[in-house]
């Protein structure tokens, strides 16, 4: 029987193949950490929304040549994490 971590890695690989993104590095642990921060500082449903938006932003940056995949994803996740934490401290979104 596979562990939860093994199942997530297998699922991620399958999804990447289905989306024709094989070879794209995905730090599952970092994505889960971002989801956790969003769920606990904003509201629970913010977890999937936050990870989706961060991934979308990273894809746009990488696709436009602004950064390679890893740099784009790292930057998007840092921004999303920072915004979640700021939201958790203030209770509202900083529009700056």
PDB file of N, CA and C in Angstrom:
ATOM      1  N   UNK A   1       0.844  -1.185   0.000  1.00  0.00           N
ATOM      2  CA  UNK A   1       0.000   0.000   0.000  1.00  0.00           C
ATOM      3  C   UNK A   1       0.885   1.243   0.000  1.00  0.00           C
ATOM      4  N   UNK A   2       0.580   2.176  -0.884  1.00  0.00           N
ATOM      5  CA  UNK A   2       1.369   3.392  -1.029  1.00  0.00           C
ATOM      6  C   UNK A   2       1.041   4.385   0.079  1.00  0.00           C
ATOM      7  N   UNK A   3       2.059   5.160   0.462  1.00  0.00           N
ATOM      8  CA  UNK A   3       1.837   6.211   1.458  1.00  0.00           C
ATOM      9  C   UNK A   3       1.119   7.382   0.784  1.00  0.00           C
ATOM     10  N   UNK A   4       0.621   8.275   1.594  1.00  0.00           N
ATOM     11  CA  UNK A   4      -0.055   9.459   1.068  1.00  0.00           C
ATOM     12  C   UNK A   4       0.909  10.264   0.193  1.00  0.00           C
ATOM     13  N   UNK A   5       2.140  10.390   0.630  1.00  0.00           N
ATOM     14  CA  UNK A   5       3.143  11.127  -0.144  1.00  0.00           C
ATOM     15  C   UNK A   5       3.373  10.461  -1.504  1.00  0.00           C
ATOM     16  N   UNK A   6       3.473   9.134  -1.510  1.00  0.00           N
ATOM     17  CA  UNK A   6       3.656   8.405  -2.766  1.00  0.00           C
ATOM     18  C   UNK A   6       2.444   8.574  -3.676  1.00  0.00           C
ATOM     19  N   UNK A   7       1.262   8.551  -3.093  1.00  0.00           N
ATOM     20  CA  UNK A   7       0.042   8.748  -3.878  1.00  0.00           C
ATOM     21  C   UNK A   7       0.013  10.142  -4.503  1.00  0.00           C
ATOM     22  N   UNK A   8       0.389  11.153  -3.729  1.00  0.00           N
ATOM     23  CA  UNK A   8       0.416  12.514  -4.254  1.00  0.00           C
ATOM     24  C   UNK A   8       1.425  12.655  -5.389  1.00  0.00           C
ATOM     25  N   UNK A   9       2.600  12.076  -5.222  1.00  0.00           N
ATOM     26  CA  UNK A   9       3.621  12.133  -6.271  1.00  0.00           C
ATOM     27  C   UNK A   9       3.131  11.417  -7.529  1.00  0.00           C
ATOM     28  N   UNK A  10       2.504  10.251  -7.362  1.00  0.00           N
ATOM     29  CA  UNK A  10       1.971   9.501  -8.507  1.00  0.00           C
ATOM     30  C   UNK A  10       0.871  10.298  -9.193  1.00  0.00           C
ATOM     31  N   UNK A  11      -0.015  10.891  -8.399  1.00  0.00           N
ATOM     32  CA  UNK A  11      -1.105  11.700  -8.959  1.00  0.00           C
ATOM     33  C   UNK A  11      -0.545  12.894  -9.720  1.00  0.00           C
ATOM     34  N   UNK A  12       0.437  13.562  -9.135  1.00  0.00           N
ATOM     35  CA  UNK A  12       1.042  14.721  -9.767  1.00  0.00           C
ATOM     36  C   UNK A  12       1.654  14.319 -11.111  1.00  0.00           C
ATOM     37  N   UNK A  13       2.358  13.201 -11.143  1.00  0.00           N
ATOM     38  CA  UNK A  13       2.941  12.716 -12.390  1.00  0.00           C
ATOM     39  C   UNK A  13       1.881  12.419 -13.432  1.00  0.00           C
ATOM     40  N   UNK A  14       0.812  11.785 -13.005  1.00  0.00           N
ATOM     41  CA  UNK A  14      -0.284  11.460 -13.933  1.00  0.00           C
ATOM     42  C   UNK A  14      -0.919  12.735 -14.483  1.00  0.00           C
ATOM     43  N   UNK A  15      -1.159  13.695 -13.614  1.00  0.00           N
ATOM     44  CA  UNK A  15      -1.762  14.951 -14.036  1.00  0.00           C
ATOM     45  C   UNK A  15      -0.843  15.712 -14.990  1.00  0.00           C
ATOM     46  N   UNK A  16       0.437  15.731 -14.689  1.00  0.00           N
ATOM     47  CA  UNK A  16       1.396  16.389 -15.583  1.00  0.00           C
ATOM     48  C   UNK A  16       1.397  15.738 -16.967  1.00  0.00           C
ATOM     49  N   UNK A  17       1.345  14.420 -17.010  1.00  0.00           N
ATOM     50  CA  UNK A  17       1.287  13.721 -18.306  1.00  0.00           C
ATOM     51  C   UNK A  17       0.003  14.075 -19.048  1.00  0.00           C
ATOM     52  N   UNK A  18      -1.115  14.068 -18.349  1.00  0.00           N
ATOM     53  CA  UNK A  18      -2.407  14.366 -18.981  1.00  0.00           C
ATOM     54  C   UNK A  18      -2.442  15.784 -19.534  1.00  0.00           C
ATOM     55  N   UNK A  19      -1.750  16.699 -18.873  1.00  0.00           N
ATOM     56  CA  UNK A  19      -1.713  18.095 -19.300  1.00  0.00           C
ATOM     57  C   UNK A  19      -0.529  18.390 -20.225  1.00  0.00           C
ATOM     58  N   UNK A  20       0.177  17.324 -20.613  1.00  0.00           N
ATOM     59  CA  UNK A  20       1.350  17.425 -21.486  1.00  0.00           C
ATOM     60  C   UNK A  20       2.415  18.347 -20.889  1.00  0.00           C
ATOM     61  N   UNK A  21       2.643  18.178 -19.596  1.00  0.00           N
ATOM     62  CA  UNK A  21       3.643  18.954 -18.863  1.00  0.00           C
ATOM     63  C   UNK A  21       4.716  18.067 -18.247  1.00  0.00           C
ATOM     64  N   UNK A  22       4.897  16.880 -18.811  1.00  0.00           N
ATOM     65  CA  UNK A  22       5.899  15.958 -18.270  1.00  0.00           C
ATOM     66  C   UNK A  22       7.247  16.666 -18.157  1.00  0.00           C
ATOM     67  N   UNK A  23       7.938  16.379 -17.084  1.00  0.00           N
ATOM     68  CA  UNK A  23       9.241  16.977 -16.864  1.00  0.00           C
ATOM     69  C   UNK A  23       9.184  18.306 -16.121  1.00  0.00           C
ATOM     70  N   UNK A  24       7.985  18.831 -15.910  1.00  0.00           N
ATOM     71  CA  UNK A  24       7.841  20.071 -15.154  1.00  0.00           C
ATOM     72  C   UNK A  24       8.032  19.754 -13.677  1.00  0.00           C
ATOM     73  N   UNK A  25       8.987  20.416 -13.028  1.00  0.00           N
ATOM     74  CA  UNK A  25       9.193  20.128 -11.608  1.00  0.00           C
ATOM     75  C   UNK A  25       8.059  20.695 -10.764  1.00  0.00           C
ATOM     76  N   UNK A  26       7.555  19.887  -9.845  1.00  0.00           N
ATOM     77  CA  UNK A  26       6.518  20.326  -8.918  1.00  0.00           C
ATOM     78  C   UNK A  26       6.965  19.949  -7.513  1.00  0.00           C
ATOM     79  N   UNK A  27       7.115  20.943  -6.674  1.00  0.00           N
ATOM     80  CA  UNK A  27       7.470  20.715  -5.273  1.00  0.00           C
ATOM     81  C   UNK A  27       6.159  20.552  -4.506  1.00  0.00           C
ATOM     82  N   UNK A  28       5.696  19.318  -4.429  1.00  0.00           N
ATOM     83  CA  UNK A  28       4.404  19.026  -3.803  1.00  0.00           C
ATOM     84  C   UNK A  28       4.376  19.542  -2.370  1.00  0.00           C
ATOM     85  N   UNK A  29       5.454  19.382  -1.656  1.00  0.00           N
ATOM     86  CA  UNK A  29       5.522  19.843  -0.268  1.00  0.00           C
ATOM     87  C   UNK A  29       5.316  21.355  -0.184  1.00  0.00           C
ATOM     88  N   UNK A  30       5.926  22.107  -1.074  1.00  0.00           N
ATOM     89  CA  UNK A  30       5.788  23.566  -1.072  1.00  0.00           C
ATOM     90  C   UNK A  30       4.355  23.976  -1.420  1.00  0.00           C
ATOM     91  N   UNK A  31       3.739  23.267  -2.365  1.00  0.00           N
ATOM     92  CA  UNK A  31       2.348  23.569  -2.727  1.00  0.00           C
ATOM     93  C   UNK A  31       1.436  23.311  -1.534  1.00  0.00           C
ATOM     94  N   UNK A  32       1.654  22.194  -0.852  1.00  0.00           N
ATOM     95  CA  UNK A  32       0.839  21.872   0.320  1.00  0.00           C
ATOM     96  C   UNK A  32       1.049  22.890   1.441  1.00  0.00           C
ATOM     97  N   UNK A  33       2.269  23.361   1.592  1.00  0.00           N
ATOM     98  CA  UNK A  33       2.551  24.375   2.618  1.00  0.00           C
ATOM     99  C   UNK A  33       1.814  25.667   2.305  1.00  0.00           C
ATOM    100  N   UNK A  34       1.839  26.086   1.025  1.00  0.00           N
ATOM    101  CA  UNK A  34       1.100  27.285   0.630  1.00  0.00           C
ATOM    102  C   UNK A  34      -0.395  27.103   0.891  1.00  0.00           C
ATOM    103  N   UNK A  35      -0.917  25.945   0.532  1.00  0.00           N
ATOM    104  CA  UNK A  35      -2.341  25.669   0.767  1.00  0.00           C
ATOM    105  C   UNK A  35      -2.669  25.743   2.255  1.00  0.00           C
ATOM    106  N   UNK A  36      -1.791  25.219   3.077  1.00  0.00           N
ATOM    107  CA  UNK A  36      -2.001  25.248   4.525  1.00  0.00           C
ATOM    108  C   UNK A  36      -2.026  26.676   5.057  1.00  0.00           C
ATOM    109  N   UNK A  37      -1.080  27.488   4.610  1.00  0.00           N
ATOM    110  CA  UNK A  37      -1.032  28.884   5.042  1.00  0.00           C
ATOM    111  C   UNK A  37      -2.318  29.596   4.633  1.00  0.00           C
ATOM    112  N   UNK A  38      -2.742  29.389   3.393  1.00  0.00           N
ATOM    113  CA  UNK A  38      -3.961  30.041   2.905  1.00  0.00           C
ATOM    114  C   UNK A  38      -5.180  29.590   3.707  1.00  0.00           C
ATOM    115  N   UNK A  39      -5.285  28.300   3.941  1.00  0.00           N
ATOM    116  CA  UNK A  39      -6.443  27.763   4.670  1.00  0.00           C
ATOM    117  C   UNK A  39      -6.515  28.274   6.101  1.00  0.00           C
ATOM    118  N   UNK A  40      -5.356  28.467   6.721  1.00  0.00           N
ATOM    119  CA  UNK A  40      -5.343  28.851   8.132  1.00  0.00           C
ATOM    120  C   UNK A  40      -5.283  30.353   8.367  1.00  0.00           C
ATOM    121  N   UNK A  41      -4.945  31.146   7.347  1.00  0.00           N
ATOM    122  CA  UNK A  41      -4.881  32.600   7.553  1.00  0.00           C
ATOM    123  C   UNK A  41      -6.019  33.348   6.864  1.00  0.00           C
ATOM    124  N   UNK A  42      -6.597  32.756   5.844  1.00  0.00           N
ATOM    125  CA  UNK A  42      -7.704  33.408   5.138  1.00  0.00           C
ATOM    126  C   UNK A  42      -8.969  32.640   5.520  1.00  0.00           C
ATOM    127  N   UNK A  43      -9.375  31.699   4.725  1.00  0.00           N
ATOM    128  CA  UNK A  43     -10.459  30.759   5.016  1.00  0.00           C
ATOM    129  C   UNK A  43     -10.091  29.464   4.313  1.00  0.00           C
ATOM    130  N   UNK A  44     -10.622  28.363   4.780  1.00  0.00           N
ATOM    131  CA  UNK A  44     -10.265  27.052   4.224  1.00  0.00           C
ATOM    132  C   UNK A  44     -10.348  26.991   2.699  1.00  0.00           C
ATOM    133  N   UNK A  45     -11.429  27.493   2.077  1.00  0.00           N
ATOM    134  CA  UNK A  45     -11.511  27.416   0.610  1.00  0.00           C
ATOM    135  C   UNK A  45     -10.457  28.256  -0.116  1.00  0.00           C
ATOM    136  N   UNK A  46      -9.729  29.087   0.612  1.00  0.00           N
ATOM    137  CA  UNK A  46      -8.660  29.861  -0.020  1.00  0.00           C
ATOM    138  C   UNK A  46      -7.501  28.971  -0.452  1.00  0.00           C
ATOM    139  N   UNK A  47      -7.387  27.779   0.126  1.00  0.00           N
ATOM    140  CA  UNK A  47      -6.264  26.893  -0.199  1.00  0.00           C
ATOM    141  C   UNK A  47      -6.209  26.539  -1.683  1.00  0.00           C
ATOM    142  N   UNK A  48      -7.250  25.948  -2.261  1.00  0.00           N
ATOM    143  CA  UNK A  48      -7.152  25.610  -3.681  1.00  0.00           C
ATOM    144  C   UNK A  48      -7.118  26.843  -4.585  1.00  0.00           C
ATOM    145  N   UNK A  49      -7.822  27.887  -4.191  1.00  0.00           N
ATOM    146  CA  UNK A  49      -7.826  29.106  -5.002  1.00  0.00           C
ATOM    147  C   UNK A  49      -6.434  29.719  -5.031  1.00  0.00           C
ATOM    148  N   UNK A  50      -5.800  29.799  -3.883  1.00  0.00           N
ATOM    149  CA  UNK A  50      -4.468  30.390  -3.779  1.00  0.00           C
ATOM    150  C   UNK A  50      -3.445  29.595  -4.572  1.00  0.00           C
ATOM    151  N   UNK A  51      -3.475  28.280  -4.446  1.00  0.00           N
ATOM    152  CA  UNK A  51      -2.494  27.473  -5.184  1.00  0.00           C
ATOM    153  C   UNK A  51      -2.745  27.551  -6.683  1.00  0.00           C
ATOM    154  N   UNK A  52      -4.011  27.599  -7.093  1.00  0.00           N
ATOM    155  CA  UNK A  52      -4.318  27.740  -8.511  1.00  0.00           C
ATOM    156  C   UNK A  52      -3.794  29.068  -9.048  1.00  0.00           C
ATOM    157  N   UNK A  53      -4.097  30.161  -8.357  1.00  0.00           N
ATOM    158  CA  UNK A  53      -3.688  31.483  -8.832  1.00  0.00           C
ATOM    159  C   UNK A  53      -2.159  31.595  -8.863  1.00  0.00           C
ATOM    160  N   UNK A  54      -1.486  31.084  -7.846  1.00  0.00           N
ATOM    161  CA  UNK A  54      -0.022  31.115  -7.842  1.00  0.00           C
ATOM    162  C   UNK A  54       0.539  30.317  -9.017  1.00  0.00           C
ATOM    163  N   UNK A  55      -0.015  29.146  -9.264  1.00  0.00           N
ATOM    164  CA  UNK A  55       0.437  28.334 -10.395  1.00  0.00           C
ATOM    165  C   UNK A  55       0.158  29.004 -11.723  1.00  0.00           C
ATOM    166  N   UNK A  56      -0.998  29.638 -11.851  1.00  0.00           N
ATOM    167  CA  UNK A  56      -1.353  30.341 -13.077  1.00  0.00           C
ATOM    168  C   UNK A  56      -0.379  31.498 -13.321  1.00  0.00           C
ATOM    169  N   UNK A  57      -0.098  32.264 -12.263  1.00  0.00           N
ATOM    170  CA  UNK A  57       0.843  33.383 -12.385  1.00  0.00           C
ATOM    171  C   UNK A  57       2.228  32.882 -12.775  1.00  0.00           C
ATOM    172  N   UNK A  58       2.659  31.794 -12.173  1.00  0.00           N
ATOM    173  CA  UNK A  58       3.966  31.229 -12.504  1.00  0.00           C
ATOM    174  C   UNK A  58       3.994  30.767 -13.957  1.00  0.00           C
ATOM    175  N   UNK A  59       2.920  30.132 -14.404  1.00  0.00           N
ATOM    176  CA  UNK A  59       2.848  29.679 -15.792  1.00  0.00           C
ATOM    177  C   UNK A  59       2.914  30.830 -16.776  1.00  0.00           C
ATOM    178  N   UNK A  60       2.222  31.904 -16.465  1.00  0.00           N
ATOM    179  CA  UNK A  60       2.274  33.081 -17.336  1.00  0.00           C
ATOM    180  C   UNK A  60       3.685  33.663 -17.388  1.00  0.00           C
ATOM    181  N   UNK A  61       4.319  33.769 -16.238  1.00  0.00           N
ATOM    182  CA  UNK A  61       5.680  34.314 -16.191  1.00  0.00           C
ATOM    183  C   UNK A  61       6.655  33.428 -16.963  1.00  0.00           C
ATOM    184  N   UNK A  62       6.558  32.127 -16.752  1.00  0.00           N
ATOM    185  CA  UNK A  62       7.456  31.203 -17.444  1.00  0.00           C
ATOM    186  C   UNK A  62       7.159  31.183 -18.943  1.00  0.00           C
ATOM    187  N   UNK A  63       5.873  31.174 -19.293  1.00  0.00           N
ATOM    188  CA  UNK A  63       5.488  31.117 -20.697  1.00  0.00           C
ATOM    189  C   UNK A  63       5.878  32.352 -21.484  1.00  0.00           C
ATOM    190  N   UNK A  64       5.947  33.483 -20.804  1.00  0.00           N
ATOM    191  CA  UNK A  64       6.314  34.726 -21.487  1.00  0.00           C
ATOM    192  C   UNK A  64       7.815  34.954 -21.489  1.00  0.00           C
ATOM    193  N   UNK A  65       8.557  34.045 -20.850  1.00  0.00           N
ATOM    194  CA  UNK A  65      10.009  34.165 -20.826  1.00  0.00           C
ATOM    195  C   UNK A  65      10.545  35.066 -19.732  1.00  0.00           C
ATOM    196  N   UNK A  66       9.697  35.500 -18.816  1.00  0.00           N
ATOM    197  CA  UNK A  66      10.163  36.357 -17.726  1.00  0.00           C
ATOM    198  C   UNK A  66      11.091  35.610 -16.774  1.00  0.00           C
ATOM    199  N   UNK A  67      10.884  34.307 -16.653  1.00  0.00           N
ATOM    200  CA  UNK A  67      11.699  33.486 -15.749  1.00  0.00           C
ATOM    201  C   UNK A  67      11.530  32.029 -16.139  1.00  0.00           C
ATOM    202  N   UNK A  68      12.487  31.193 -15.705  1.00  0.00           N
ATOM    203  CA  UNK A  68      12.307  29.760 -15.958  1.00  0.00           C
ATOM    204  C   UNK A  68      11.253  29.218 -14.999  1.00  0.00           C
ATOM    205  N   UNK A  69      10.844  27.983 -15.225  1.00  0.00           N
ATOM    206  CA  UNK A  69       9.757  27.392 -14.435  1.00  0.00           C
ATOM    207  C   UNK A  69       9.994  27.489 -12.936  1.00  0.00           C
ATOM    208  N   UNK A  70      11.178  27.082 -12.498  1.00  0.00           N
ATOM    209  CA  UNK A  70      11.460  27.028 -11.064  1.00  0.00           C
ATOM    210  C   UNK A  70      11.459  28.416 -10.437  1.00  0.00           C
ATOM    211  N   UNK A  71      12.066  29.384 -11.111  1.00  0.00           N
ATOM    212  CA  UNK A  71      12.118  30.748 -10.579  1.00  0.00           C
ATOM    213  C   UNK A  71      10.718  31.355 -10.546  1.00  0.00           C
ATOM    214  N   UNK A  72       9.951  31.157 -11.610  1.00  0.00           N
ATOM    215  CA  UNK A  72       8.587  31.698 -11.676  1.00  0.00           C
ATOM    216  C   UNK A  72       7.718  31.108 -10.576  1.00  0.00           C
ATOM    217  N   UNK A  73       7.801  29.802 -10.368  1.00  0.00           N
ATOM    218  CA  UNK A  73       6.984  29.168  -9.338  1.00  0.00           C
ATOM    219  C   UNK A  73       7.413  29.620  -7.955  1.00  0.00           C
ATOM    220  N   UNK A  74       8.707  29.683  -7.717  1.00  0.00           N
ATOM    221  CA  UNK A  74       9.195  30.141  -6.416  1.00  0.00           C
ATOM    222  C   UNK A  74       8.728  31.548  -6.098  1.00  0.00           C
ATOM    223  N   UNK A  75       8.819  32.439  -7.072  1.00  0.00           N
ATOM    224  CA  UNK A  75       8.396  33.823  -6.865  1.00  0.00           C
ATOM    225  C   UNK A  75       6.890  33.905  -6.607  1.00  0.00           C
ATOM    226  N   UNK A  76       6.109  33.199  -7.393  1.00  0.00           N
ATOM    227  CA  UNK A  76       4.651  33.235  -7.219  1.00  0.00           C
ATOM    228  C   UNK A  76       4.254  32.686  -5.855  1.00  0.00           C
ATOM    229  N   UNK A  77       4.908  31.633  -5.430  1.00  0.00           N
ATOM    230  CA  UNK A  77       4.567  31.043  -4.137  1.00  0.00           C
ATOM    231  C   UNK A  77       4.984  31.952  -2.986  1.00  0.00           C
ATOM    232  N   UNK A  78       6.126  32.628  -3.136  1.00  0.00           N
ATOM    233  CA  UNK A  78       6.544  33.572  -2.081  1.00  0.00           C
ATOM    234  C   UNK A  78       5.554  34.723  -1.965  1.00  0.00           C
ATOM    235  N   UNK A  79       5.131  35.271  -3.103  1.00  0.00           N
ATOM    236  CA  UNK A  79       4.164  36.371  -3.081  1.00  0.00           C
ATOM    237  C   UNK A  79       2.846  35.905  -2.464  1.00  0.00           C
ATOM    238  N   UNK A  80       2.363  34.754  -2.884  1.00  0.00           N
ATOM    239  CA  UNK A  80       1.094  34.237  -2.362  1.00  0.00           C
ATOM    240  C   UNK A  80       1.189  33.986  -0.857  1.00  0.00           C
ATOM    241  N   UNK A  81       2.286  33.417  -0.400  1.00  0.00           N
ATOM    242  CA  UNK A  81       2.477  33.170   1.033  1.00  0.00           C
ATOM    243  C   UNK A  81       2.498  34.479   1.801  1.00  0.00           C
ATOM    244  N   UNK A  82       3.237  35.453   1.277  1.00  0.00           N
ATOM    245  CA  UNK A  82       3.311  36.760   1.938  1.00  0.00           C
ATOM    246  C   UNK A  82       1.927  37.394   2.041  1.00  0.00           C
ATOM    247  N   UNK A  83       1.165  37.339   0.963  1.00  0.00           N
ATOM    248  CA  UNK A  83      -0.166  37.946   0.977  1.00  0.00           C
ATOM    249  C   UNK A  83      -1.106  37.230   1.949  1.00  0.00           C
ATOM    250  N   UNK A  84      -1.009  35.914   2.013  1.00  0.00           N
ATOM    251  CA  UNK A  84      -1.816  35.172   2.989  1.00  0.00           C
ATOM    252  C   UNK A  84      -1.475  35.606   4.402  1.00  0.00           C
ATOM    253  N   UNK A  85      -0.192  35.690   4.695  1.00  0.00           N
ATOM    254  CA  UNK A  85       0.234  36.078   6.042  1.00  0.00           C
ATOM    255  C   UNK A  85      -0.183  37.504   6.354  1.00  0.00           C
ATOM    256  N   UNK A  86      -0.061  38.411   5.379  1.00  0.00           N
ATOM    257  CA  UNK A  86      -0.506  39.793   5.591  1.00  0.00           C
ATOM    258  C   UNK A  86      -2.003  39.835   5.839  1.00  0.00           C
ATOM    259  N   UNK A  87      -2.741  39.047   5.112  1.00  0.00           N
ATOM    260  CA  UNK A  87      -4.189  38.988   5.298  1.00  0.00           C
ATOM    261  C   UNK A  87      -4.513  38.485   6.698  1.00  0.00           C
ATOM    262  N   UNK A  88      -3.782  37.461   7.131  1.00  0.00           N
ATOM    263  CA  UNK A  88      -4.009  36.908   8.458  1.00  0.00           C
ATOM    264  C   UNK A  88      -3.725  37.901   9.568  1.00  0.00           C
ATOM    265  N   UNK A  89      -2.775  38.810   9.330  1.00  0.00           N
ATOM    266  CA  UNK A  89      -2.423  39.805  10.341  1.00  0.00           C
ATOM    267  C   UNK A  89      -3.396  40.976  10.357  1.00  0.00           C
ATOM    268  N   UNK A  90      -3.918  41.347   9.187  1.00  0.00           N
ATOM    269  CA  UNK A  90      -4.748  42.547   9.105  1.00  0.00           C
ATOM    270  C   UNK A  90      -6.227  42.244   8.936  1.00  0.00           C
ATOM    271  N   UNK A  91      -6.550  41.043   8.443  1.00  0.00           N
ATOM    272  CA  UNK A  91      -7.928  40.693   8.211  1.00  0.00           C
ATOM    273  C   UNK A  91      -8.498  41.235   6.926  1.00  0.00           C
ATOM    274  N   UNK A  92      -7.646  41.897   6.155  1.00  0.00           N
ATOM    275  CA  UNK A  92      -8.091  42.372   4.846  1.00  0.00           C
ATOM    276  C   UNK A  92      -6.931  42.337   3.868  1.00  0.00           C
ATOM    277  N   UNK A  93      -7.252  42.508   2.616  1.00  0.00           N
ATOM    278  CA  UNK A  93      -6.237  42.435   1.582  1.00  0.00           C
ATOM    279  C   UNK A  93      -5.616  43.805   1.376  1.00  0.00           C
ATOM    280  N   UNK A  94      -4.304  43.827   1.347  1.00  0.00           N
ATOM    281  CA  UNK A  94      -3.553  45.053   1.052  1.00  0.00           C
ATOM    282  C   UNK A  94      -3.490  45.206  -0.457  1.00  0.00           C
ATOM    283  N   UNK A  95      -4.057  46.254  -0.976  1.00  0.00           N
ATOM    284  CA  UNK A  95      -4.127  46.453  -2.424  1.00  0.00           C
ATOM    285  C   UNK A  95      -2.869  47.064  -3.011  1.00  0.00           C
ATOM    286  N   UNK A  96      -1.806  47.161  -2.261  1.00  0.00           N
ATOM    287  CA  UNK A  96      -0.576  47.757  -2.788  1.00  0.00           C
ATOM    288  C   UNK A  96       0.261  46.766  -3.520  1.00  0.00           C
TER     289      UNK A  96
END
